[in-house]
Amino acid sequence: MDMKDKFTVFGTEYTINETESPTPLEDGSSQYAVCKSQEYTVELTRTTVEGKPIPTSEREKMLVHEIMHAILNEGAYTDESNNERLVEWLARNVYDIFVIQDILNKQSHV
């Protein structure tokens, strides 16, 4: 995925780090992406547990999801940031509007 390695939220710079495989969790599941607001980082996984590449569109959606966490955390909306259903709903809609629908018509601005 061709993306920048940093973004800012309200003047706070976050670094995007890519990892090769998901992080195993205690409950047996795996974590594919995480926003670490205290460290100002977002981590994204390149592959599945089975080692297969994650499609670019899914990685982009994961990144938008984690950016939503950063936005909410920086704005002191921690309760909302902890609401994974809300964050996922916002991220999928923002991705659809700005990337899929290209509402800003970025292709013509290149």
N, C-alpha and C. Protein backbone atom coordinates (compact mmCIF):
# COMPACT_ATOMS: atom_id res chain seq x y z
N MET A 1 0.86 -1.17 0.00
CA MET A 1 0.00 0.00 0.00
C MET A 1 0.91 1.23 0.00
N ASP A 2 0.64 2.12 -0.89
CA ASP A 2 1.40 3.36 -0.98
C ASP A 2 0.74 4.39 -0.08
N MET A 3 1.34 4.63 1.09
CA MET A 3 0.78 5.59 2.03
C MET A 3 1.90 6.32 2.74
N LYS A 4 1.56 7.40 3.33
CA LYS A 4 2.51 8.16 4.12
C LYS A 4 2.76 7.42 5.43
N ASP A 5 3.84 7.76 6.10
CA ASP A 5 4.14 7.09 7.37
C ASP A 5 3.83 7.95 8.59
N LYS A 6 3.18 9.11 8.35
CA LYS A 6 2.80 9.99 9.46
C LYS A 6 1.51 10.72 9.11
N PHE A 7 0.78 11.14 10.15
CA PHE A 7 -0.37 12.02 10.00
C PHE A 7 -0.49 12.82 11.29
N THR A 8 -1.21 13.93 11.23
CA THR A 8 -1.40 14.74 12.44
C THR A 8 -2.88 14.87 12.76
N VAL A 9 -3.16 14.91 14.05
CA VAL A 9 -4.51 15.14 14.56
C VAL A 9 -4.41 16.28 15.56
N PHE A 10 -5.06 17.39 15.26
CA PHE A 10 -5.02 18.56 16.13
C PHE A 10 -3.58 18.95 16.50
N GLY A 11 -2.69 18.85 15.52
CA GLY A 11 -1.29 19.23 15.72
C GLY A 11 -0.42 18.16 16.33
N THR A 12 -0.99 17.03 16.71
CA THR A 12 -0.20 15.93 17.28
C THR A 12 0.16 14.96 16.16
N GLU A 13 1.45 14.71 16.02
CA GLU A 13 1.92 13.82 14.95
C GLU A 13 1.90 12.36 15.39
N TYR A 14 1.31 11.53 14.57
CA TYR A 14 1.27 10.08 14.77
C TYR A 14 2.14 9.42 13.70
N THR A 15 2.83 8.38 14.08
CA THR A 15 3.63 7.59 13.15
C THR A 15 2.89 6.30 12.83
N ILE A 16 2.91 5.92 11.56
CA ILE A 16 2.29 4.67 11.12
C ILE A 16 3.40 3.63 10.97
N ASN A 17 3.30 2.55 11.72
CA ASN A 17 4.26 1.45 11.65
C ASN A 17 3.57 0.23 11.06
N GLU A 18 4.25 -0.43 10.14
CA GLU A 18 3.70 -1.65 9.56
C GLU A 18 4.41 -2.86 10.16
N THR A 19 3.63 -3.88 10.46
CA THR A 19 4.17 -5.12 10.99
C THR A 19 3.86 -6.24 10.02
N GLU A 20 4.62 -7.30 10.09
CA GLU A 20 4.44 -8.41 9.16
C GLU A 20 3.24 -9.29 9.50
N SER A 21 3.00 -9.51 10.79
CA SER A 21 1.92 -10.42 11.16
C SER A 21 1.15 -9.86 12.35
N PRO A 22 -0.11 -10.31 12.50
CA PRO A 22 -0.93 -9.81 13.61
C PRO A 22 -0.38 -10.22 14.97
N THR A 23 -0.78 -9.47 15.97
CA THR A 23 -0.37 -9.76 17.34
C THR A 23 -1.37 -10.71 17.98
N PRO A 24 -0.91 -11.87 18.48
CA PRO A 24 -1.83 -12.80 19.16
C PRO A 24 -2.31 -12.19 20.48
N LEU A 25 -3.59 -12.38 20.77
CA LEU A 25 -4.17 -11.88 22.02
C LEU A 25 -4.44 -13.04 22.96
N GLU A 26 -4.60 -12.74 24.23
CA GLU A 26 -4.82 -13.77 25.26
C GLU A 26 -6.06 -14.62 25.01
N ASP A 27 -7.09 -14.02 24.38
CA ASP A 27 -8.33 -14.76 24.15
C ASP A 27 -8.26 -15.66 22.91
N GLY A 28 -7.08 -15.73 22.28
CA GLY A 28 -6.92 -16.60 21.11
C GLY A 28 -7.15 -15.89 19.78
N SER A 29 -7.65 -14.66 19.83
CA SER A 29 -7.85 -13.90 18.59
C SER A 29 -6.54 -13.17 18.24
N SER A 30 -6.59 -12.40 17.18
CA SER A 30 -5.41 -11.67 16.74
C SER A 30 -5.75 -10.20 16.50
N GLN A 31 -4.80 -9.34 16.76
CA GLN A 31 -4.98 -7.90 16.56
C GLN A 31 -4.23 -7.50 15.28
N TYR A 32 -4.99 -6.97 14.32
CA TYR A 32 -4.44 -6.61 13.02
C TYR A 32 -4.03 -5.14 12.94
N ALA A 33 -4.57 -4.32 13.78
CA ALA A 33 -4.25 -2.88 13.79
C ALA A 33 -4.55 -2.34 15.18
N VAL A 34 -3.81 -1.29 15.55
CA VAL A 34 -4.03 -0.68 16.85
C VAL A 34 -3.55 0.77 16.82
N CYS A 35 -4.29 1.63 17.50
CA CYS A 35 -3.89 3.01 17.71
C CYS A 35 -3.37 3.11 19.14
N LYS A 36 -2.13 3.50 19.28
CA LYS A 36 -1.54 3.68 20.60
C LYS A 36 -1.40 5.18 20.82
N SER A 37 -2.48 5.79 21.32
CA SER A 37 -2.53 7.25 21.47
C SER A 37 -1.49 7.78 22.45
N GLN A 38 -1.15 7.01 23.46
CA GLN A 38 -0.16 7.46 24.44
C GLN A 38 1.24 7.51 23.81
N GLU A 39 1.45 6.68 22.77
CA GLU A 39 2.74 6.64 22.08
C GLU A 39 2.69 7.37 20.73
N TYR A 40 1.50 7.84 20.36
CA TYR A 40 1.29 8.55 19.09
C TYR A 40 1.70 7.69 17.90
N THR A 41 1.25 6.43 17.93
CA THR A 41 1.53 5.53 16.82
C THR A 41 0.28 4.75 16.42
N VAL A 42 0.27 4.32 15.18
CA VAL A 42 -0.72 3.37 14.66
C VAL A 42 0.07 2.22 14.08
N GLU A 43 -0.32 1.00 14.41
CA GLU A 43 0.33 -0.18 13.86
C GLU A 43 -0.65 -0.89 12.95
N LEU A 44 -0.17 -1.27 11.77
CA LEU A 44 -0.97 -1.99 10.78
C LEU A 44 -0.24 -3.26 10.38
N THR A 45 -0.98 -4.33 10.25
CA THR A 45 -0.42 -5.62 9.86
C THR A 45 -0.52 -5.80 8.34
N ARG A 46 0.51 -6.38 7.76
CA ARG A 46 0.53 -6.62 6.31
C ARG A 46 -0.11 -7.95 5.91
N THR A 47 -0.07 -8.93 6.82
CA THR A 47 -0.54 -10.27 6.47
C THR A 47 -1.52 -10.83 7.50
N THR A 48 -2.23 -11.86 7.08
CA THR A 48 -3.15 -12.56 7.97
C THR A 48 -2.37 -13.51 8.88
N VAL A 49 -3.07 -14.16 9.79
CA VAL A 49 -2.46 -15.16 10.66
C VAL A 49 -1.84 -16.27 9.81
N GLU A 50 -2.47 -16.57 8.68
CA GLU A 50 -1.99 -17.62 7.79
C GLU A 50 -0.83 -17.15 6.91
N GLY A 51 -0.46 -15.87 7.01
CA GLY A 51 0.64 -15.34 6.22
C GLY A 51 0.25 -14.81 4.85
N LYS A 52 -1.06 -14.74 4.57
CA LYS A 52 -1.52 -14.22 3.29
C LYS A 52 -1.58 -12.69 3.35
N PRO A 53 -1.23 -12.01 2.26
CA PRO A 53 -1.30 -10.54 2.25
C PRO A 53 -2.74 -10.05 2.45
N ILE A 54 -2.88 -9.01 3.24
CA ILE A 54 -4.19 -8.38 3.44
C ILE A 54 -4.40 -7.42 2.26
N PRO A 55 -5.55 -7.49 1.59
CA PRO A 55 -5.80 -6.61 0.45
C PRO A 55 -5.65 -5.13 0.82
N THR A 56 -5.16 -4.35 -0.12
CA THR A 56 -4.93 -2.92 0.10
C THR A 56 -6.18 -2.22 0.61
N SER A 57 -7.33 -2.50 0.02
CA SER A 57 -8.56 -1.82 0.45
C SER A 57 -8.87 -2.12 1.92
N GLU A 58 -8.61 -3.32 2.37
CA GLU A 58 -8.86 -3.66 3.78
C GLU A 58 -7.85 -2.98 4.69
N ARG A 59 -6.61 -2.88 4.26
CA ARG A 59 -5.59 -2.20 5.05
C ARG A 59 -5.90 -0.71 5.14
N GLU A 60 -6.40 -0.14 4.05
CA GLU A 60 -6.80 1.27 4.07
C GLU A 60 -7.95 1.49 5.06
N LYS A 61 -8.92 0.58 5.06
CA LYS A 61 -10.03 0.68 6.01
C LYS A 61 -9.54 0.54 7.45
N MET A 62 -8.58 -0.37 7.66
CA MET A 62 -8.01 -0.53 9.00
C MET A 62 -7.32 0.76 9.44
N LEU A 63 -6.60 1.40 8.51
CA LEU A 63 -5.92 2.65 8.83
C LEU A 63 -6.92 3.74 9.18
N VAL A 64 -7.98 3.88 8.40
CA VAL A 64 -9.01 4.89 8.70
C VAL A 64 -9.63 4.61 10.07
N HIS A 65 -9.88 3.35 10.37
CA HIS A 65 -10.43 2.96 11.67
C HIS A 65 -9.51 3.46 12.79
N GLU A 66 -8.22 3.20 12.66
CA GLU A 66 -7.29 3.61 13.72
C GLU A 66 -7.14 5.12 13.79
N ILE A 67 -7.24 5.80 12.64
CA ILE A 67 -7.22 7.27 12.64
C ILE A 67 -8.44 7.81 13.38
N MET A 68 -9.59 7.14 13.24
CA MET A 68 -10.79 7.56 13.98
C MET A 68 -10.53 7.48 15.48
N HIS A 69 -9.86 6.41 15.92
CA HIS A 69 -9.49 6.31 17.34
C HIS A 69 -8.62 7.49 17.74
N ALA A 70 -7.62 7.83 16.91
CA ALA A 70 -6.73 8.95 17.23
C ALA A 70 -7.50 10.26 17.33
N ILE A 71 -8.41 10.49 16.38
CA ILE A 71 -9.21 11.72 16.39
C ILE A 71 -10.04 11.81 17.67
N LEU A 72 -10.72 10.73 18.00
CA LEU A 72 -11.57 10.72 19.20
C LEU A 72 -10.73 10.87 20.47
N ASN A 73 -9.61 10.18 20.53
CA ASN A 73 -8.75 10.28 21.72
C ASN A 73 -8.16 11.67 21.87
N GLU A 74 -7.71 12.27 20.80
CA GLU A 74 -7.13 13.62 20.87
C GLU A 74 -8.19 14.64 21.25
N GLY A 75 -9.44 14.38 20.89
CA GLY A 75 -10.53 15.29 21.25
C GLY A 75 -11.14 14.98 22.60
N ALA A 76 -10.53 14.08 23.35
CA ALA A 76 -10.99 13.68 24.69
C ALA A 76 -12.35 12.99 24.65
N TYR A 77 -12.65 12.30 23.54
CA TYR A 77 -13.87 11.49 23.43
C TYR A 77 -13.51 10.02 23.66
N THR A 78 -12.93 9.74 24.81
CA THR A 78 -12.43 8.39 25.07
C THR A 78 -13.54 7.36 25.15
N ASP A 79 -14.70 7.73 25.69
CA ASP A 79 -15.81 6.77 25.74
C ASP A 79 -16.20 6.35 24.33
N GLU A 80 -16.29 7.33 23.42
CA GLU A 80 -16.64 7.03 22.04
C GLU A 80 -15.54 6.24 21.37
N SER A 81 -14.28 6.54 21.67
CA SER A 81 -13.16 5.80 21.09
C SER A 81 -13.17 4.34 21.52
N ASN A 82 -13.67 4.07 22.71
CA ASN A 82 -13.75 2.69 23.19
C ASN A 82 -14.94 1.93 22.61
N ASN A 83 -15.81 2.62 21.90
CA ASN A 83 -16.97 2.00 21.28
C ASN A 83 -16.57 1.52 19.88
N GLU A 84 -16.11 0.27 19.80
CA GLU A 84 -15.60 -0.28 18.54
C GLU A 84 -16.64 -0.29 17.42
N ARG A 85 -17.88 -0.54 17.76
CA ARG A 85 -18.93 -0.53 16.72
C ARG A 85 -19.08 0.85 16.10
N LEU A 86 -19.06 1.89 16.93
CA LEU A 86 -19.16 3.26 16.44
C LEU A 86 -17.95 3.63 15.60
N VAL A 87 -16.75 3.32 16.09
CA VAL A 87 -15.53 3.64 15.37
C VAL A 87 -15.51 2.94 14.02
N GLU A 88 -15.88 1.68 13.99
CA GLU A 88 -15.89 0.92 12.73
C GLU A 88 -16.92 1.50 11.76
N TRP A 89 -18.09 1.85 12.26
CA TRP A 89 -19.15 2.43 11.41
C TRP A 89 -18.68 3.75 10.81
N LEU A 90 -18.09 4.61 11.65
CA LEU A 90 -17.56 5.89 11.15
C LEU A 90 -16.47 5.66 10.11
N ALA A 91 -15.53 4.78 10.41
CA ALA A 91 -14.41 4.53 9.51
C ALA A 91 -14.88 4.00 8.16
N ARG A 92 -15.78 3.04 8.17
CA ARG A 92 -16.26 2.47 6.90
C ARG A 92 -17.00 3.51 6.07
N ASN A 93 -17.77 4.37 6.72
CA ASN A 93 -18.49 5.42 5.99
C ASN A 93 -17.55 6.50 5.47
N VAL A 94 -16.60 6.93 6.28
CA VAL A 94 -15.63 7.93 5.83
C VAL A 94 -14.82 7.37 4.67
N TYR A 95 -14.38 6.12 4.77
CA TYR A 95 -13.64 5.48 3.68
C TYR A 95 -14.48 5.46 2.41
N ASP A 96 -15.72 5.05 2.53
CA ASP A 96 -16.61 4.99 1.36
C ASP A 96 -16.79 6.36 0.72
N ILE A 97 -17.03 7.37 1.52
CA ILE A 97 -17.30 8.71 0.98
C ILE A 97 -16.04 9.33 0.37
N PHE A 98 -14.92 9.27 1.07
CA PHE A 98 -13.72 9.95 0.59
C PHE A 98 -12.89 9.14 -0.39
N VAL A 99 -12.87 7.82 -0.25
CA VAL A 99 -12.04 7.01 -1.15
C VAL A 99 -12.87 6.41 -2.28
N ILE A 100 -13.91 5.67 -1.95
CA ILE A 100 -14.70 5.01 -2.98
C ILE A 100 -15.47 6.01 -3.83
N GLN A 101 -16.21 6.89 -3.17
CA GLN A 101 -16.99 7.89 -3.91
C GLN A 101 -16.12 9.06 -4.38
N ASP A 102 -14.92 9.18 -3.84
CA ASP A 102 -13.98 10.24 -4.20
C ASP A 102 -14.66 11.61 -4.20
N ILE A 103 -15.36 11.90 -3.11
CA ILE A 103 -16.15 13.12 -2.99
C ILE A 103 -15.33 14.39 -3.22
N LEU A 104 -14.04 14.34 -2.92
CA LEU A 104 -13.19 15.50 -3.13
C LEU A 104 -12.59 15.53 -4.54
N ASN A 105 -12.92 14.48 -5.32
CA ASN A 105 -12.47 14.40 -6.71
C ASN A 105 -10.95 14.58 -6.80
N LYS A 106 -10.24 13.82 -5.98
CA LYS A 106 -8.79 13.97 -5.90
C LYS A 106 -8.08 13.57 -7.19
N GLN A 107 -8.67 12.72 -8.01
CA GLN A 107 -8.03 12.31 -9.26
C GLN A 107 -7.80 13.51 -10.18
N SER A 108 -8.71 14.46 -10.19
CA SER A 108 -8.56 15.62 -11.07
C SER A 108 -7.60 16.66 -10.51
N HIS A 109 -7.19 16.51 -9.25
CA HIS A 109 -6.30 17.48 -8.62
C HIS A 109 -4.84 17.07 -8.72
N VAL A 110 -4.57 15.90 -9.24
CA VAL A 110 -3.20 15.38 -9.27
C VAL A 110 -2.35 16.14 -10.25
